[in-house]
C-alpha atoms as a PDB file:
ATOM      1  CA  UNK A   1     -14.895  -5.149 -27.215  1.00  0.00           C
ATOM      2  CA  UNK A   2     -14.705  -6.919 -23.850  1.00  0.00           C
ATOM      3  CA  UNK A   3     -11.651  -8.810 -25.091  1.00  0.00           C
ATOM      4  CA  UNK A   4      -9.697  -5.561 -24.763  1.00  0.00           C
ATOM      5  CA  UNK A   5     -10.069  -5.740 -20.980  1.00  0.00           C
ATOM      6  CA  UNK A   6      -8.480  -9.189 -20.965  1.00  0.00           C
ATOM      7  CA  UNK A   7      -5.218  -7.684 -22.263  1.00  0.00           C
ATOM      8  CA  UNK A   8      -2.710  -6.030 -19.870  1.00  0.00           C
ATOM      9  CA  UNK A   9      -4.233  -2.758 -18.686  1.00  0.00           C
ATOM     10  CA  UNK A  10      -1.043  -0.634 -19.167  1.00  0.00           C
ATOM     11  CA  UNK A  11      -0.742  -1.869 -22.759  1.00  0.00           C
ATOM     12  CA  UNK A  12      -4.384  -1.158 -23.613  1.00  0.00           C
ATOM     13  CA  UNK A  13      -4.262   2.233 -21.888  1.00  0.00           C
ATOM     14  CA  UNK A  14      -1.106   3.187 -23.778  1.00  0.00           C
ATOM     15  CA  UNK A  15      -2.556   2.126 -27.128  1.00  0.00           C
ATOM     16  CA  UNK A  16      -5.796   4.021 -26.492  1.00  0.00           C
ATOM     17  CA  UNK A  17      -3.874   7.166 -25.538  1.00  0.00           C
ATOM     18  CA  UNK A  18      -1.587   6.930 -28.570  1.00  0.00           C
ATOM     19  CA  UNK A  19      -4.503   6.488 -30.975  1.00  0.00           C
ATOM     20  CA  UNK A  20      -6.501   9.333 -29.411  1.00  0.00           C
ATOM     21  CA  UNK A  21      -3.540  11.715 -29.335  1.00  0.00           C
ATOM     22  CA  UNK A  22      -2.589  10.845 -32.908  1.00  0.00           C
ATOM     23  CA  UNK A  23      -6.054  11.667 -34.229  1.00  0.00           C
ATOM     24  CA  UNK A  24      -6.223  14.814 -32.088  1.00  0.00           C
ATOM     25  CA  UNK A  25      -2.902  16.156 -33.350  1.00  0.00           C
ATOM     26  CA  UNK A  26      -3.740  15.162 -36.929  1.00  0.00           C
ATOM     27  CA  UNK A  27      -6.968  17.135 -36.642  1.00  0.00           C
ATOM     28  CA  UNK A  28      -4.991  20.170 -35.464  1.00  0.00           C
ATOM     29  CA  UNK A  29      -2.633  19.945 -38.435  1.00  0.00           C
ATOM     30  CA  UNK A  30      -5.521  19.730 -40.884  1.00  0.00           C
ATOM     31  CA  UNK A  31      -7.385  22.575 -39.169  1.00  0.00           C
ATOM     32  CA  UNK A  32      -4.398  24.926 -39.289  1.00  0.00           C
ATOM     33  CA  UNK A  33      -3.930  24.125 -42.967  1.00  0.00           C
ATOM     34  CA  UNK A  34      -7.496  24.881 -44.042  1.00  0.00           C
ATOM     35  CA  UNK A  35      -8.524  27.537 -41.487  1.00  0.00           C
ATOM     36  CA  UNK A  36      -6.421  30.735 -41.441  1.00  0.00           C
ATOM     37  CA  UNK A  37      -5.246  31.804 -38.006  1.00  0.00           C
ATOM     38  CA  UNK A  38      -6.449  35.364 -38.659  1.00  0.00           C
ATOM     39  CA  UNK A  39     -10.002  34.127 -39.123  1.00  0.00           C
ATOM     40  CA  UNK A  40      -9.832  32.067 -35.905  1.00  0.00           C
ATOM     41  CA  UNK A  41      -8.482  35.082 -34.019  1.00  0.00           C
ATOM     42  CA  UNK A  42     -11.486  37.143 -35.068  1.00  0.00           C
ATOM     43  CA  UNK A  43     -13.879  34.663 -33.461  1.00  0.00           C
ATOM     44  CA  UNK A  44     -11.687  33.598 -30.546  1.00  0.00           C
ATOM     45  CA  UNK A  45     -13.764  35.286 -27.850  1.00  0.00           C
ATOM     46  CA  UNK A  46     -17.009  33.748 -29.077  1.00  0.00           C
ATOM     47  CA  UNK A  47     -15.381  30.314 -29.317  1.00  0.00           C
ATOM     48  CA  UNK A  48     -14.142  30.704 -25.743  1.00  0.00           C
ATOM     49  CA  UNK A  49     -17.638  31.305 -24.347  1.00  0.00           C
ATOM     50  CA  UNK A  50     -19.111  28.419 -26.318  1.00  0.00           C
ATOM     51  CA  UNK A  51     -16.230  26.180 -25.241  1.00  0.00           C
ATOM     52  CA  UNK A  52     -16.888  26.986 -21.577  1.00  0.00           C
ATOM     53  CA  UNK A  53     -20.555  26.046 -21.940  1.00  0.00           C
ATOM     54  CA  UNK A  54     -19.770  22.854 -23.835  1.00  0.00           C
ATOM     55  CA  UNK A  55     -17.089  21.952 -21.293  1.00  0.00           C
ATOM     56  CA  UNK A  56     -19.504  22.244 -18.388  1.00  0.00           C
ATOM     57  CA  UNK A  57     -22.144  20.137 -20.143  1.00  0.00           C
ATOM     58  CA  UNK A  58     -19.622  17.452 -21.068  1.00  0.00           C
ATOM     59  CA  UNK A  59     -18.163  17.427 -17.559  1.00  0.00           C
ATOM     60  CA  UNK A  60     -21.644  16.845 -16.108  1.00  0.00           C
ATOM     61  CA  UNK A  61     -22.226  13.999 -18.565  1.00  0.00           C
ATOM     62  CA  UNK A  62     -18.897  12.335 -17.753  1.00  0.00           C
ATOM     63  CA  UNK A  63     -19.466  12.722 -14.013  1.00  0.00           C
ATOM     64  CA  UNK A  64     -22.916  11.148 -14.314  1.00  0.00           C
ATOM     65  CA  UNK A  65     -21.611   8.155 -16.283  1.00  0.00           C
ATOM     66  CA  UNK A  66     -18.648   7.627 -13.945  1.00  0.00           C
ATOM     67  CA  UNK A  67     -20.969   7.626 -10.932  1.00  0.00           C
ATOM     68  CA  UNK A  68     -23.237   5.093 -12.647  1.00  0.00           C
ATOM     69  CA  UNK A  69     -20.434   2.655 -13.485  1.00  0.00           C
ATOM     70  CA  UNK A  70     -18.862   3.144 -10.033  1.00  0.00           C
ATOM     71  CA  UNK A  71     -22.166   2.223  -8.415  1.00  0.00           C
ATOM     72  CA  UNK A  72     -22.385  -0.843 -10.663  1.00  0.00           C
ATOM     73  CA  UNK A  73     -18.894  -1.905  -9.572  1.00  0.00           C
ATOM     74  CA  UNK A  74     -19.721  -1.391  -5.889  1.00  0.00           C
ATOM     75  CA  UNK A  75     -22.999  -3.276  -6.282  1.00  0.00           C
ATOM     76  CA  UNK A  76     -21.151  -6.212  -7.838  1.00  0.00           C
ATOM     77  CA  UNK A  77     -18.639  -6.240  -4.971  1.00  0.00           C
ATOM     78  CA  UNK A  78     -21.397  -6.089  -2.371  1.00  0.00           C
ATOM     79  CA  UNK A  79     -23.257  -8.910  -4.133  1.00  0.00           C
ATOM     80  CA  UNK A  80     -20.237 -11.221  -4.073  1.00  0.00           C
ATOM     81  CA  UNK A  81     -19.487 -10.423  -0.448  1.00  0.00           C
ATOM     82  CA  UNK A  82     -23.108 -10.986   0.572  1.00  0.00           C
ATOM     83  CA  UNK A  83     -23.179 -14.311  -1.255  1.00  0.00           C
ATOM     84  CA  UNK A  84     -19.954 -15.488   0.385  1.00  0.00           C
ATOM     85  CA  UNK A  85     -21.192 -14.387   3.825  1.00  0.00           C
ATOM     86  CA  UNK A  86     -24.461 -16.266   3.304  1.00  0.00           C
ATOM     87  CA  UNK A  87     -22.560 -19.451   2.412  1.00  0.00           C
ATOM     88  CA  UNK A  88     -20.349 -19.059   5.469  1.00  0.00           C
ATOM     89  CA  UNK A  89     -23.381 -18.558   7.730  1.00  0.00           C
ATOM     90  CA  UNK A  90     -25.127 -21.601   6.272  1.00  0.00           C
ATOM     91  CA  UNK A  91     -22.075 -23.780   6.854  1.00  0.00           C
ATOM     92  CA  UNK A  92     -21.760 -22.534  10.411  1.00  0.00           C
ATOM     93  CA  UNK A  93     -25.470 -22.927  11.217  1.00  0.00           C
ATOM     94  CA  UNK A  94     -25.523 -26.441   9.771  1.00  0.00           C
ATOM     95  CA  UNK A  95     -24.053 -27.577  13.107  1.00  0.00           C
ATOM     96  CA  UNK A  96     -27.448 -26.929  14.687  1.00  0.00           C
ATOM     97  CA  UNK A  97     -29.381 -29.094  12.222  1.00  0.00           C
ATOM     98  CA  UNK A  98     -30.055 -32.850  12.488  1.00  0.00           C
ATOM     99  CA  UNK A  99     -26.801 -34.832  12.322  1.00  0.00           C
ATOM    100  CA  UNK A 100     -28.110 -37.156   9.622  1.00  0.00           C
ATOM    101  CA  UNK A 101     -28.566 -34.265   7.174  1.00  0.00           C
ATOM    102  CA  UNK A 102     -25.339 -32.353   7.868  1.00  0.00           C
ATOM    103  CA  UNK A 103     -22.852 -34.168   5.569  1.00  0.00           C
ATOM    104  CA  UNK A 104     -24.970 -33.904   2.418  1.00  0.00           C
ATOM    105  CA  UNK A 105     -25.922 -30.321   3.221  1.00  0.00           C
ATOM    106  CA  UNK A 106     -22.362 -29.220   3.836  1.00  0.00           C
ATOM    107  CA  UNK A 107     -21.067 -31.034   0.761  1.00  0.00           C
ATOM    108  CA  UNK A 108     -23.673 -29.373  -1.463  1.00  0.00           C
ATOM    109  CA  UNK A 109     -22.741 -25.925  -0.120  1.00  0.00           C
ATOM    110  CA  UNK A 110     -19.042 -26.581  -0.714  1.00  0.00           C
ATOM    111  CA  UNK A 111     -19.802 -27.921  -4.201  1.00  0.00           C
ATOM    112  CA  UNK A 112     -21.754 -24.761  -5.002  1.00  0.00           C
ATOM    113  CA  UNK A 113     -18.919 -22.553  -3.751  1.00  0.00           C
ATOM    114  CA  UNK A 114     -16.349 -24.481  -5.776  1.00  0.00           C
ATOM    115  CA  UNK A 115     -18.542 -24.143  -8.851  1.00  0.00           C
ATOM    116  CA  UNK A 116     -18.718 -20.369  -8.375  1.00  0.00           C
ATOM    117  CA  UNK A 117     -14.934 -20.081  -8.011  1.00  0.00           C
ATOM    118  CA  UNK A 118     -13.822 -22.614 -10.617  1.00  0.00           C
ATOM    119  CA  UNK A 119     -16.516 -22.246 -13.287  1.00  0.00           C
ATOM    120  CA  UNK A 120     -18.688 -19.146 -13.001  1.00  0.00           C
ATOM    121  CA  UNK A 121     -15.997 -16.555 -12.209  1.00  0.00           C
ATOM    122  CA  UNK A 122     -13.701 -17.630 -15.087  1.00  0.00           C
ATOM    123  CA  UNK A 123     -16.678 -17.465 -17.438  1.00  0.00           C
ATOM    124  CA  UNK A 124     -17.663 -14.023 -16.175  1.00  0.00           C
ATOM    125  CA  UNK A 125     -14.086 -12.832 -16.740  1.00  0.00           C
ATOM    126  CA  UNK A 126     -14.553 -13.721 -20.407  1.00  0.00           C
ATOM    127  CA  UNK A 127     -17.853 -11.850 -20.569  1.00  0.00           C
ATOM    128  CA  UNK A 128     -19.992 -14.984 -20.775  1.00  0.00           C
ATOM    129  CA  UNK A 129     -23.565 -15.016 -19.507  1.00  0.00           C
ATOM    130  CA  UNK A 130     -24.164 -16.966 -16.292  1.00  0.00           C
ATOM    131  CA  UNK A 131     -27.416 -18.833 -15.828  1.00  0.00           C
ATOM    132  CA  UNK A 132     -29.726 -17.546 -13.099  1.00  0.00           C
ATOM    133  CA  UNK A 133     -30.469 -21.122 -12.069  1.00  0.00           C
ATOM    134  CA  UNK A 134     -27.641 -23.260 -10.706  1.00  0.00           C
ATOM    135  CA  UNK A 135     -27.811 -27.044 -10.427  1.00  0.00           C
ATOM    136  CA  UNK A 136     -25.549 -26.909  -7.393  1.00  0.00           C
ATOM    137  CA  UNK A 137     -27.760 -24.345  -5.657  1.00  0.00           C
ATOM    138  CA  UNK A 138     -30.783 -26.489  -6.511  1.00  0.00           C
ATOM    139  CA  UNK A 139     -29.079 -29.397  -4.760  1.00  0.00           C
ATOM    140  CA  UNK A 140     -28.628 -27.208  -1.697  1.00  0.00           C
ATOM    141  CA  UNK A 141     -32.347 -26.415  -1.690  1.00  0.00           C
ATOM    142  CA  UNK A 142     -33.238 -30.082  -2.054  1.00  0.00           C
ATOM    143  CA  UNK A 143     -31.052 -31.018   0.896  1.00  0.00           C
ATOM    144  CA  UNK A 144     -32.754 -28.391   3.035  1.00  0.00           C
ATOM    145  CA  UNK A 145     -36.175 -29.667   1.995  1.00  0.00           C
ATOM    146  CA  UNK A 146     -35.201 -33.130   3.242  1.00  0.00           C
ATOM    147  CA  UNK A 147     -34.553 -31.824   6.749  1.00  0.00           C
ATOM    148  CA  UNK A 148     -37.221 -32.500   9.357  1.00  0.00           C
ATOM    149  CA  UNK A 149     -36.257 -30.593  12.512  1.00  0.00           C
ATOM    150  CA  UNK A 150     -37.654 -31.960  15.750  1.00  0.00           C
ATOM    151  CA  UNK A 151     -36.298 -30.057  18.729  1.00  0.00           C
ATOM    152  CA  UNK A 152     -36.832 -26.359  19.314  1.00  0.00           C
ATOM    153  CA  UNK A 153     -33.120 -25.818  18.737  1.00  0.00           C
ATOM    154  CA  UNK A 154     -33.207 -27.537  15.360  1.00  0.00           C
ATOM    155  CA  UNK A 155     -36.348 -25.638  14.339  1.00  0.00           C
ATOM    156  CA  UNK A 156     -34.721 -22.310  15.218  1.00  0.00           C
ATOM    157  CA  UNK A 157     -31.569 -23.123  13.259  1.00  0.00           C
ATOM    158  CA  UNK A 158     -33.613 -24.412  10.320  1.00  0.00           C
ATOM    159  CA  UNK A 159     -35.725 -21.256  10.110  1.00  0.00           C
ATOM    160  CA  UNK A 160     -32.631 -19.069  10.283  1.00  0.00           C
ATOM    161  CA  UNK A 161     -30.928 -21.182   7.603  1.00  0.00           C
ATOM    162  CA  UNK A 162     -33.883 -20.787   5.233  1.00  0.00           C
ATOM    163  CA  UNK A 163     -33.622 -17.022   5.661  1.00  0.00           C
ATOM    164  CA  UNK A 164     -29.903 -17.191   4.868  1.00  0.00           C
ATOM    165  CA  UNK A 165     -30.628 -19.400   1.865  1.00  0.00           C
ATOM    166  CA  UNK A 166     -33.002 -16.769   0.486  1.00  0.00           C
ATOM    167  CA  UNK A 167     -30.282 -14.162   0.997  1.00  0.00           C
ATOM    168  CA  UNK A 168     -27.874 -16.418  -0.879  1.00  0.00           C
ATOM    169  CA  UNK A 169     -30.251 -16.612  -3.835  1.00  0.00           C
ATOM    170  CA  UNK A 170     -30.762 -12.843  -3.878  1.00  0.00           C
ATOM    171  CA  UNK A 171     -27.017 -12.192  -3.685  1.00  0.00           C
ATOM    172  CA  UNK A 172     -26.454 -14.593  -6.572  1.00  0.00           C
ATOM    173  CA  UNK A 173     -28.972 -12.660  -8.690  1.00  0.00           C
ATOM    174  CA  UNK A 174     -27.207  -9.394  -7.812  1.00  0.00           C
ATOM    175  CA  UNK A 175     -23.842 -10.834  -8.858  1.00  0.00           C
ATOM    176  CA  UNK A 176     -25.169 -12.173 -12.152  1.00  0.00           C
ATOM    177  CA  UNK A 177     -27.040  -8.978 -13.019  1.00  0.00           C
ATOM    178  CA  UNK A 178     -23.866  -7.027 -12.226  1.00  0.00           C
ATOM    179  CA  UNK A 179     -21.881  -9.160 -14.645  1.00  0.00           C
ATOM    180  CA  UNK A 180     -24.373  -8.336 -17.408  1.00  0.00           C
ATOM    181  CA  UNK A 181     -24.780  -4.614 -16.712  1.00  0.00           C
ATOM    182  CA  UNK A 182     -23.719  -2.206 -19.443  1.00  0.00           C
ATOM    183  CA  UNK A 183     -24.009   1.471 -20.201  1.00  0.00           C
ATOM    184  CA  UNK A 184     -26.713   2.141 -22.831  1.00  0.00           C
ATOM    185  CA  UNK A 185     -25.300   2.628 -26.298  1.00  0.00           C
ATOM    186  CA  UNK A 186     -26.803   6.105 -26.466  1.00  0.00           C
ATOM    187  CA  UNK A 187     -24.628   7.217 -23.562  1.00  0.00           C
ATOM    188  CA  UNK A 188     -21.518   5.898 -25.291  1.00  0.00           C
ATOM    189  CA  UNK A 189     -22.491   7.887 -28.381  1.00  0.00           C
ATOM    190  CA  UNK A 190     -22.733  11.004 -26.214  1.00  0.00           C
ATOM    191  CA  UNK A 191     -19.423  10.273 -24.491  1.00  0.00           C
ATOM    192  CA  UNK A 192     -17.476   9.628 -27.670  1.00  0.00           C
ATOM    193  CA  UNK A 193     -19.244  12.291 -29.710  1.00  0.00           C
ATOM    194  CA  UNK A 194     -18.922  14.827 -26.910  1.00  0.00           C
ATOM    195  CA  UNK A 195     -15.227  14.070 -26.561  1.00  0.00           C
ATOM    196  CA  UNK A 196     -14.709  14.657 -30.273  1.00  0.00           C
ATOM    197  CA  UNK A 197     -16.596  17.929 -30.072  1.00  0.00           C
ATOM    198  CA  UNK A 198     -14.447  19.080 -27.156  1.00  0.00           C
ATOM    199  CA  UNK A 199     -11.276  18.303 -29.113  1.00  0.00           C
ATOM    200  CA  UNK A 200     -12.659  20.130 -32.148  1.00  0.00           C
ATOM    201  CA  UNK A 201     -13.256  23.184 -29.985  1.00  0.00           C
ATOM    202  CA  UNK A 202      -9.576  23.255 -29.032  1.00  0.00           C
ATOM    203  CA  UNK A 203      -8.725  23.790 -32.698  1.00  0.00           C
ATOM    204  CA  UNK A 204     -10.736  27.005 -32.740  1.00  0.00           C
ATOM    205  CA  UNK A 205      -8.264  28.926 -30.575  1.00  0.00           C
ATOM    206  CA  UNK A 206      -5.478  30.600 -32.553  1.00  0.00           C
ATOM    207  CA  UNK A 207      -1.886  30.044 -31.454  1.00  0.00           C
ATOM    208  CA  UNK A 208       1.309  31.275 -33.100  1.00  0.00           C
ATOM    209  CA  UNK A 209       3.231  28.264 -31.781  1.00  0.00           C
ATOM    210  CA  UNK A 210       1.929  25.068 -33.376  1.00  0.00           C
ATOM    211  CA  UNK A 211       4.188  22.887 -31.213  1.00  0.00           C
ATOM    212  CA  UNK A 212       2.811  24.227 -27.942  1.00  0.00           C
ATOM    213  CA  UNK A 213      -0.728  24.096 -29.316  1.00  0.00           C
ATOM    214  CA  UNK A 214      -0.210  20.480 -30.369  1.00  0.00           C
ATOM    215  CA  UNK A 215       1.258  19.556 -26.975  1.00  0.00           C
ATOM    216  CA  UNK A 216      -1.741  21.041 -25.160  1.00  0.00           C
ATOM    217  CA  UNK A 217      -4.160  19.194 -27.408  1.00  0.00           C
ATOM    218  CA  UNK A 218      -2.192  15.973 -26.878  1.00  0.00           C
ATOM    219  CA  UNK A 219      -2.526  16.384 -23.112  1.00  0.00           C
ATOM    220  CA  UNK A 220      -6.262  17.013 -23.437  1.00  0.00           C
ATOM    221  CA  UNK A 221      -6.612  13.982 -25.680  1.00  0.00           C
ATOM    222  CA  UNK A 222      -4.660  11.823 -23.204  1.00  0.00           C
ATOM    223  CA  UNK A 223      -6.939  12.858 -20.351  1.00  0.00           C
ATOM    224  CA  UNK A 224     -10.032  12.153 -22.441  1.00  0.00           C
ATOM    225  CA  UNK A 225      -8.686   8.727 -23.424  1.00  0.00           C
ATOM    226  CA  UNK A 226      -7.942   7.799 -19.811  1.00  0.00           C
ATOM    227  CA  UNK A 227     -11.433   8.815 -18.672  1.00  0.00           C
ATOM    228  CA  UNK A 228     -13.146   6.841 -21.438  1.00  0.00           C
ATOM    229  CA  UNK A 229     -10.966   3.767 -20.841  1.00  0.00           C
ATOM    230  CA  UNK A 230     -11.636   3.896 -17.094  1.00  0.00           C
ATOM    231  CA  UNK A 231     -15.362   4.162 -17.759  1.00  0.00           C
ATOM    232  CA  UNK A 232     -15.225   1.177 -20.115  1.00  0.00           C
ATOM    233  CA  UNK A 233     -13.251  -0.866 -17.558  1.00  0.00           C
ATOM    234  CA  UNK A 234     -15.648  -0.136 -14.696  1.00  0.00           C
ATOM    235  CA  UNK A 235     -18.626  -0.878 -16.937  1.00  0.00           C
ATOM    236  CA  UNK A 236     -17.679  -4.572 -16.735  1.00  0.00           C
ATOM    237  CA  UNK A 237     -17.056  -5.267 -13.029  1.00  0.00           C
ATOM    238  CA  UNK A 238     -16.016  -8.910 -13.504  1.00  0.00           C
ATOM    239  CA  UNK A 239     -13.648  -8.398 -16.446  1.00  0.00           C
ATOM    240  CA  UNK A 240     -10.175  -6.890 -16.544  1.00  0.00           C
ATOM    241  CA  UNK A 241      -7.560  -5.808 -14.035  1.00  0.00           C
ATOM    242  CA  UNK A 242     -10.019  -4.027 -11.713  1.00  0.00           C
ATOM    243  CA  UNK A 243     -12.516  -6.893 -11.794  1.00  0.00           C
ATOM    244  CA  UNK A 244     -14.190  -8.225  -8.673  1.00  0.00           C
ATOM    245  CA  UNK A 245     -12.277 -11.287  -7.498  1.00  0.00           C
ATOM    246  CA  UNK A 246     -13.615 -14.547  -5.983  1.00  0.00           C
ATOM    247  CA  UNK A 247     -11.400 -14.036  -2.940  1.00  0.00           C
ATOM    248  CA  UNK A 248     -14.368 -13.947  -0.553  1.00  0.00           C
ATOM    249  CA  UNK A 249     -15.523 -17.387  -1.725  1.00  0.00           C
ATOM    250  CA  UNK A 250     -11.996 -18.775  -1.565  1.00  0.00           C
ATOM    251  CA  UNK A 251     -11.737 -17.532   2.008  1.00  0.00           C
ATOM    252  CA  UNK A 252     -14.895 -19.478   2.881  1.00  0.00           C
ATOM    253  CA  UNK A 253     -13.432 -22.627   1.330  1.00  0.00           C
ATOM    254  CA  UNK A 254     -10.103 -22.208   3.121  1.00  0.00           C
ATOM    255  CA  UNK A 255     -11.790 -21.590   6.463  1.00  0.00           C
ATOM    256  CA  UNK A 256     -14.029 -24.621   6.079  1.00  0.00           C
ATOM    257  CA  UNK A 257     -11.068 -26.813   5.073  1.00  0.00           C
ATOM    258  CA  UNK A 258      -9.243 -25.796   8.229  1.00  0.00           C
ATOM    259  CA  UNK A 259     -12.289 -26.529  10.378  1.00  0.00           C
ATOM    260  CA  UNK A 260     -12.868 -29.893   8.696  1.00  0.00           C
ATOM    261  CA  UNK A 261      -9.237 -30.865   9.259  1.00  0.00           C
ATOM    262  CA  UNK A 262      -9.540 -30.438  13.029  1.00  0.00           C
END
């Protein structure tokens, strides 16, 4: 289903709303045909109390799920920003390391950043799984292991760089885990099933005007469709129109290109 997020968001949102509203209104037509309005009127007060209880429970469920996916999206954004900042710090601190090791070290960091922008992010946008281990990041580690600092200044920069390199690895793991995070299937069953139950409850209230009743149910169905689509979009933080972008990494590359040109 991830391929839906790769389509234009307005188109997908419109289709989802149309399908939901169509089924909701069709259910109303069938309900009014097989359930007499007089019988619904006799139980209207009871249905109202039950509807209020069900509405509160469903609202709590939706709020919980939205908070979860929002936190996943924020975590993915923080992971990408932390990774880009770590790369930028490593490139900057490389000036304090032995001159003989700087070119290879800087080139490996730039190669890793280019790989993230040009290979990993496009793959994540298609929902592909990214490997935890990166050959380019391994090359960075190997270049750091070749460094033998001598002066106190070089030792201080080297120790700080190793700390930043650990932060880079942790941020990479956060980004990759964020790209693979999903809401448990059981929660989706509750969301979809609960939404259907809420729409079914709206059929239980008698109304002499079927057009107005249908319009109200269509509005409720539209709102439900928008909430579910938004939840599905935020569930995949690296896919779709609201996906996390590689702008932070591109900024690092642009800044380094400007510095290298001077």
